């Protein structure tokens, strides 16, 4: 029961589409202890930050409907007062317009598939607007499948070994999900989350308070940097230049990306570059592969496959389109 509630709560705070939520069966949901656990872990208003009210309403309607249809003996089974009152409160709230919902910024909490033996669940909170595209078709306002794939790999023993004790720079950090993961849970010595969009930099800075417990310095530094331009040795970018990762979709961004990686190798002592690529477009992938050859990069495919969607326990993402992870290094 506890595992079922944990998984549902993790999906809920990641804002997984309600139709894809792994709801426990009705004979489990009717138990009062399970309903209490759902309220305490998902719908209690003190659990800030919570998902948007419209999303909470949709999920709670699904949960309560399954409970009600599973009640066999009304004298023994019933919908808990807490869940019923929560639903009433949510339904009574004014419903935002479709445009307002698209533009709304939401806190999204991601739970790693492998909990830490010392600290338990490893969570990262970002600020996102999944329906909003920024200027120039930038898609950095949401965390995409390849980032979740790479995050799952980095949470494995082999992936964590690439990060622990290292200085990391992420190119095109977007929501900052990977950088926050490295800084908060994977033992990185220092992390720079770079992006060209100022609004994304501000969102990442805002995320610090949801990811930092305040007990020790948080090695996370958002910084503006446009690919293909020189890396200025000023401010946050001066000290952290030894690793990176990115998800890519558009063939046009491959040349400036690889140019930036080459600059890091040649001038800033970059050791290796880790990249996850969603194979959506053969042309994009071939451009990436050809560019690596032209730059004399050594490219190694890392032997990591995402867990099938239906069996994932955290960092939930679709596996319908293949995702590959590569280690890029400078040829000797």
Protein backbone atom coordinates (compact mmCIF):
# COMPACT_ATOMS: atom_id res chain seq x y z
CA UNK A 1 0.00 0.00 0.00
CA UNK A 2 2.74 2.45 0.97
CA UNK A 3 4.54 1.98 -2.37
CA UNK A 4 1.31 2.58 -4.29
CA UNK A 5 0.62 5.82 -2.41
CA UNK A 6 4.26 6.95 -2.81
CA UNK A 7 4.17 6.41 -6.57
CA UNK A 8 0.83 8.17 -7.02
CA UNK A 9 2.01 11.13 -4.94
CA UNK A 10 5.24 11.35 -6.96
CA UNK A 11 3.28 11.33 -10.24
CA UNK A 12 0.85 13.92 -8.88
CA UNK A 13 3.52 16.42 -7.84
CA UNK A 14 5.22 15.93 -11.22
CA UNK A 15 1.89 16.92 -12.84
CA UNK A 16 1.65 13.67 -14.81
CA UNK A 17 -1.45 13.72 -17.03
CA UNK A 18 -4.36 12.50 -14.84
CA UNK A 19 -5.27 9.85 -17.43
CA UNK A 20 -1.81 8.31 -16.96
CA UNK A 21 -1.79 8.26 -13.16
CA UNK A 22 -1.28 4.87 -11.56
CA UNK A 23 -4.27 4.92 -9.21
CA UNK A 24 -4.45 2.10 -6.65
CA UNK A 25 -7.33 -0.35 -7.20
CA UNK A 26 -10.69 0.49 -5.69
CA UNK A 27 -10.47 -2.15 -2.93
CA UNK A 28 -7.33 -0.37 -1.71
CA UNK A 29 -8.65 3.18 -2.05
CA UNK A 30 -11.74 2.49 0.07
CA UNK A 31 -9.55 1.83 3.12
CA UNK A 32 -9.68 4.74 5.52
CA UNK A 33 -5.92 4.51 6.18
CA UNK A 34 -5.21 4.87 2.44
CA UNK A 35 -7.53 7.85 2.10
CA UNK A 36 -5.87 9.50 5.10
CA UNK A 37 -2.47 8.91 3.52
CA UNK A 38 -3.61 10.40 0.20
CA UNK A 39 -4.92 13.50 1.93
CA UNK A 40 -1.79 13.95 4.04
CA UNK A 41 0.61 13.42 1.12
CA UNK A 42 -1.31 15.08 -1.73
CA UNK A 43 -4.26 17.29 -0.86
CA UNK A 44 -3.54 18.89 2.51
CA UNK A 45 -3.36 22.65 1.84
CA UNK A 46 -0.30 22.94 4.10
CA UNK A 47 1.79 21.00 1.55
CA UNK A 48 3.23 24.05 -0.18
CA UNK A 49 3.92 24.39 -3.01
CA UNK A 50 0.98 22.43 -4.40
CA UNK A 51 0.07 21.74 -8.03
CA UNK A 52 -2.32 24.20 -9.72
CA UNK A 53 -5.87 24.09 -8.41
CA UNK A 54 -7.28 22.95 -11.78
CA UNK A 55 -4.93 19.95 -11.81
CA UNK A 56 -5.67 19.07 -8.19
CA UNK A 57 -9.38 19.18 -8.94
CA UNK A 58 -9.07 16.78 -11.88
CA UNK A 59 -7.01 14.31 -9.87
CA UNK A 60 -9.20 14.44 -6.79
CA UNK A 61 -12.31 13.89 -8.92
CA UNK A 62 -10.71 10.73 -10.34
CA UNK A 63 -9.76 9.48 -6.88
CA UNK A 64 -13.14 10.16 -5.28
CA UNK A 65 -15.02 8.65 -8.23
CA UNK A 66 -13.03 5.43 -7.95
CA UNK A 67 -13.62 5.32 -4.20
CA UNK A 68 -17.36 5.84 -4.56
CA UNK A 69 -17.73 3.18 -7.27
CA UNK A 70 -15.79 0.71 -5.12
CA UNK A 71 -17.90 1.07 -1.98
CA UNK A 72 -19.68 -2.22 -1.34
CA UNK A 73 -20.92 -1.75 2.21
CA UNK A 74 -21.83 1.88 2.99
CA UNK A 75 -21.79 1.05 6.69
CA UNK A 76 -18.13 0.02 6.47
CA UNK A 77 -16.71 1.99 3.54
CA UNK A 78 -17.05 5.71 2.92
CA UNK A 79 -15.32 8.69 1.39
CA UNK A 80 -13.24 10.47 4.01
CA UNK A 81 -14.35 13.89 5.20
CA UNK A 82 -10.93 15.37 4.42
CA UNK A 83 -11.04 14.32 0.77
CA UNK A 84 -14.67 15.37 0.40
CA UNK A 85 -14.03 18.79 1.95
CA UNK A 86 -10.94 19.29 -0.22
CA UNK A 87 -12.92 18.55 -3.34
CA UNK A 88 -15.66 20.95 -2.32
CA UNK A 89 -13.13 23.72 -1.72
CA UNK A 90 -11.44 23.16 -5.07
CA UNK A 91 -14.66 22.99 -7.07
CA UNK A 92 -15.83 26.26 -5.52
CA UNK A 93 -12.74 28.15 -6.75
CA UNK A 94 -13.07 30.28 -9.92
CA UNK A 95 -11.83 28.36 -12.96
CA UNK A 96 -9.05 30.14 -14.90
CA UNK A 97 -9.43 30.58 -18.64
CA UNK A 98 -7.59 28.28 -21.03
CA UNK A 99 -5.12 31.09 -21.80
CA UNK A 100 -4.48 31.73 -18.11
CA UNK A 101 -3.83 28.03 -17.53
CA UNK A 102 -1.32 27.91 -20.40
CA UNK A 103 0.56 30.96 -19.10
CA UNK A 104 0.47 29.93 -15.46
CA UNK A 105 3.79 29.09 -13.82
CA UNK A 106 3.61 25.93 -11.71
CA UNK A 107 5.87 24.33 -9.17
CA UNK A 108 6.74 20.83 -10.33
CA UNK A 109 8.33 18.40 -7.89
CA UNK A 110 10.26 15.47 -9.39
CA UNK A 111 11.05 12.37 -7.33
CA UNK A 112 14.04 10.25 -8.32
CA UNK A 113 13.43 6.58 -9.15
CA UNK A 114 16.11 5.41 -6.73
CA UNK A 115 15.81 6.76 -3.17
CA UNK A 116 18.98 7.48 -1.25
CA UNK A 117 19.76 4.93 1.49
CA UNK A 118 20.67 7.86 3.75
CA UNK A 119 18.05 10.51 3.00
CA UNK A 120 15.15 8.62 1.40
CA UNK A 121 13.33 10.18 -1.56
CA UNK A 122 15.45 12.55 -3.64
CA UNK A 123 13.26 15.40 -4.85
CA UNK A 124 13.83 18.41 -7.10
CA UNK A 125 11.36 21.29 -7.45
CA UNK A 126 11.28 23.45 -10.58
CA UNK A 127 9.12 26.30 -11.87
CA UNK A 128 7.53 25.52 -15.24
CA UNK A 129 4.88 26.53 -17.72
CA UNK A 130 4.51 23.50 -19.96
CA UNK A 131 2.28 25.16 -22.52
CA UNK A 132 4.33 28.31 -22.95
CA UNK A 133 7.01 28.78 -25.62
CA UNK A 134 9.46 31.60 -25.10
CA UNK A 135 10.79 33.88 -27.80
CA UNK A 136 12.65 32.22 -30.66
CA UNK A 137 10.78 28.92 -30.14
CA UNK A 138 12.71 28.30 -26.94
CA UNK A 139 11.23 25.31 -25.12
CA UNK A 140 13.04 25.85 -21.83
CA UNK A 141 9.92 26.39 -19.73
CA UNK A 142 9.38 22.68 -19.24
CA UNK A 143 11.49 19.64 -18.38
CA UNK A 144 11.61 17.28 -21.37
CA UNK A 145 11.89 13.51 -21.64
CA UNK A 146 15.62 13.42 -22.39
CA UNK A 147 16.37 15.45 -19.27
CA UNK A 148 14.33 13.01 -17.17
CA UNK A 149 16.11 10.11 -18.87
CA UNK A 150 19.50 11.68 -18.11
CA UNK A 151 18.43 12.44 -14.56
CA UNK A 152 17.45 8.80 -14.05
CA UNK A 153 20.88 7.73 -15.30
CA UNK A 154 22.69 10.22 -13.07
CA UNK A 155 20.83 8.82 -10.05
CA UNK A 156 22.25 5.36 -10.77
CA UNK A 157 25.59 4.43 -9.17
CA UNK A 158 27.39 4.73 -12.52
CA UNK A 159 25.82 8.12 -13.24
CA UNK A 160 26.40 9.55 -9.78
CA UNK A 161 30.09 8.62 -10.05
CA UNK A 162 30.35 11.02 -13.02
CA UNK A 163 29.12 13.94 -10.91
CA UNK A 164 30.20 13.48 -7.29
CA UNK A 165 33.00 15.83 -6.37
CA UNK A 166 33.05 17.42 -9.84
CA UNK A 167 32.36 20.93 -11.05
CA UNK A 168 29.49 20.87 -13.53
CA UNK A 169 28.17 23.28 -16.14
CA UNK A 170 24.86 22.57 -17.87
CA UNK A 171 24.26 24.10 -21.30
CA UNK A 172 20.67 25.13 -22.05
CA UNK A 173 19.53 24.35 -18.51
CA UNK A 174 15.94 25.52 -19.09
CA UNK A 175 14.12 24.73 -15.85
CA UNK A 176 17.39 23.83 -14.11
CA UNK A 177 16.16 20.32 -13.29
CA UNK A 178 19.46 18.53 -13.98
CA UNK A 179 21.61 21.18 -12.34
CA UNK A 180 19.43 21.24 -9.23
CA UNK A 181 19.60 17.45 -9.08
CA UNK A 182 23.41 17.50 -9.26
CA UNK A 183 23.69 20.26 -6.66
CA UNK A 184 21.14 18.92 -4.20
CA UNK A 185 21.55 15.17 -4.31
CA UNK A 186 24.53 13.99 -6.36
CA UNK A 187 27.41 15.61 -4.52
CA UNK A 188 28.62 18.01 -7.21
CA UNK A 189 31.29 20.41 -5.94
CA UNK A 190 29.72 23.27 -7.86
CA UNK A 191 27.09 23.63 -10.58
CA UNK A 192 26.45 26.39 -13.11
CA UNK A 193 23.07 26.21 -14.82
CA UNK A 194 23.47 28.28 -17.99
CA UNK A 195 20.78 29.45 -20.40
CA UNK A 196 20.33 32.38 -22.77
CA UNK A 197 16.84 33.36 -21.57
CA UNK A 198 16.85 35.85 -18.64
CA UNK A 199 13.38 34.75 -17.46
CA UNK A 200 14.61 31.17 -17.11
CA UNK A 201 17.61 32.35 -15.10
CA UNK A 202 15.25 34.18 -12.72
CA UNK A 203 13.01 31.12 -12.40
CA UNK A 204 16.02 28.97 -11.52
CA UNK A 205 17.12 31.45 -8.86
CA UNK A 206 13.61 31.34 -7.41
CA UNK A 207 13.85 27.53 -7.25
CA UNK A 208 16.74 27.64 -4.80
CA UNK A 209 14.47 28.22 -1.80
CA UNK A 210 12.49 25.07 -2.60
CA UNK A 211 15.59 22.90 -2.97
CA UNK A 212 17.99 24.21 -0.35
CA UNK A 213 17.54 23.25 3.28
CA UNK A 214 19.85 26.05 4.42
CA UNK A 215 22.14 23.83 6.48
CA UNK A 216 25.18 24.37 4.23
CA UNK A 217 26.08 26.41 1.13
CA UNK A 218 24.11 25.36 -1.94
CA UNK A 219 26.50 24.93 -4.92
CA UNK A 220 24.02 26.06 -7.57
CA UNK A 221 24.65 29.12 -9.77
CA UNK A 222 22.27 30.14 -12.60
CA UNK A 223 24.05 32.20 -15.26
CA UNK A 224 23.21 33.64 -18.69
CA UNK A 225 25.23 32.29 -21.61
CA UNK A 226 24.34 32.09 -25.30
CA UNK A 227 25.93 29.21 -27.23
CA UNK A 228 28.55 30.20 -29.75
CA UNK A 229 29.60 33.30 -27.81
CA UNK A 230 32.81 33.45 -25.75
CA UNK A 231 32.62 32.27 -22.17
CA UNK A 232 33.52 35.25 -20.04
CA UNK A 233 35.59 34.46 -16.97
CA UNK A 234 33.43 36.57 -14.72
CA UNK A 235 30.93 35.94 -11.99
CA UNK A 236 29.46 32.49 -11.55
CA UNK A 237 30.92 31.06 -14.77
CA UNK A 238 34.53 31.50 -13.71
CA UNK A 239 34.99 28.39 -11.57
CA UNK A 240 32.66 25.68 -12.82
CA UNK A 241 33.57 24.21 -16.17
CA UNK A 242 34.05 20.45 -15.93
CA UNK A 243 30.85 18.74 -17.11
CA UNK A 244 27.50 19.21 -18.80
CA UNK A 245 24.35 17.83 -20.31
CA UNK A 246 21.54 18.90 -22.62
CA UNK A 247 18.53 17.73 -24.57
CA UNK A 248 18.28 18.82 -28.20
CA UNK A 249 15.54 18.82 -30.87
CA UNK A 250 16.54 21.30 -33.58
CA UNK A 251 19.36 20.59 -36.07
CA UNK A 252 20.11 24.32 -36.33
CA UNK A 253 21.32 24.48 -32.73
CA UNK A 254 23.82 21.62 -33.11
CA UNK A 255 26.72 23.68 -34.63
CA UNK A 256 26.73 26.39 -31.90
CA UNK A 257 26.33 23.70 -29.25
CA UNK A 258 29.35 21.74 -30.48
CA UNK A 259 31.32 24.95 -30.96
CA UNK A 260 30.67 25.77 -27.32
CA UNK A 261 31.69 22.29 -26.22
CA UNK A 262 34.92 22.59 -28.24
CA UNK A 263 35.63 25.92 -26.57
CA UNK A 264 35.17 24.32 -23.16
CA UNK A 265 37.51 21.46 -24.06
CA UNK A 266 40.23 23.70 -25.49
CA UNK A 267 40.17 26.64 -23.11
CA UNK A 268 38.46 25.66 -19.88
CA UNK A 269 39.70 22.14 -19.12
CA UNK A 270 36.38 20.39 -19.66
CA UNK A 271 36.88 16.67 -18.94
CA UNK A 272 33.79 15.23 -20.59
CA UNK A 273 30.36 16.20 -21.81
CA UNK A 274 27.29 14.04 -21.13
CA UNK A 275 24.33 14.48 -23.47
CA UNK A 276 20.97 12.76 -23.83
CA UNK A 277 19.35 12.90 -27.26
CA UNK A 278 15.73 12.12 -28.04
CA UNK A 279 15.77 10.49 -31.49
CA UNK A 280 12.78 12.41 -32.82
CA UNK A 281 14.40 13.46 -36.06
CA UNK A 282 17.01 11.55 -38.05
CA UNK A 283 18.37 14.75 -39.60
CA UNK A 284 18.97 16.29 -36.17
CA UNK A 285 20.80 13.20 -34.95
CA UNK A 286 22.92 12.94 -38.10
CA UNK A 287 23.86 16.62 -37.80
CA UNK A 288 24.97 15.95 -34.23
CA UNK A 289 26.96 12.86 -35.23
CA UNK A 290 28.62 14.59 -38.21
CA UNK A 291 29.51 17.58 -36.06
CA UNK A 292 31.22 15.37 -33.50
CA UNK A 293 33.32 13.80 -36.25
CA UNK A 294 34.25 17.20 -37.72
CA UNK A 295 35.39 18.39 -34.30
CA UNK A 296 37.37 15.19 -33.71
CA UNK A 297 35.35 14.37 -30.61
CA UNK A 298 35.38 10.89 -29.17
CA UNK A 299 31.76 9.76 -28.73
CA UNK A 300 30.85 6.83 -26.48
CA UNK A 301 27.31 5.46 -26.12
CA UNK A 302 26.54 4.90 -22.46
CA UNK A 303 24.75 1.58 -21.85
CA UNK A 304 21.66 2.97 -20.14
CA UNK A 305 18.04 2.37 -21.06
CA UNK A 306 15.06 4.04 -19.43
CA UNK A 307 12.73 1.80 -17.48
CA UNK A 308 9.49 1.30 -19.46
CA UNK A 309 6.93 3.97 -18.62
CA UNK A 310 4.53 1.61 -16.87
CA UNK A 311 7.27 0.38 -14.50
CA UNK A 312 8.87 3.71 -13.60
CA UNK A 313 8.94 4.72 -9.94
CA UNK A 314 10.19 8.28 -10.42
CA UNK A 315 11.23 10.93 -12.99
CA UNK A 316 8.24 9.70 -15.01
CA UNK A 317 8.59 10.11 -18.77
CA UNK A 318 7.50 8.55 -22.03
CA UNK A 319 9.74 5.93 -23.61
CA UNK A 320 7.78 5.77 -26.88
CA UNK A 321 10.61 7.58 -28.70
CA UNK A 322 14.13 6.22 -28.12
CA UNK A 323 16.49 8.30 -26.00
CA UNK A 324 20.24 7.74 -26.05
CA UNK A 325 22.95 9.04 -23.73
CA UNK A 326 26.47 9.78 -24.92
CA UNK A 327 29.77 10.68 -23.31
CA UNK A 328 31.76 13.14 -25.47
CA UNK A 329 35.44 13.73 -24.85
CA UNK A 330 38.29 15.39 -26.67
CA UNK A 331 40.25 12.94 -28.84
CA UNK A 332 43.85 12.52 -27.71
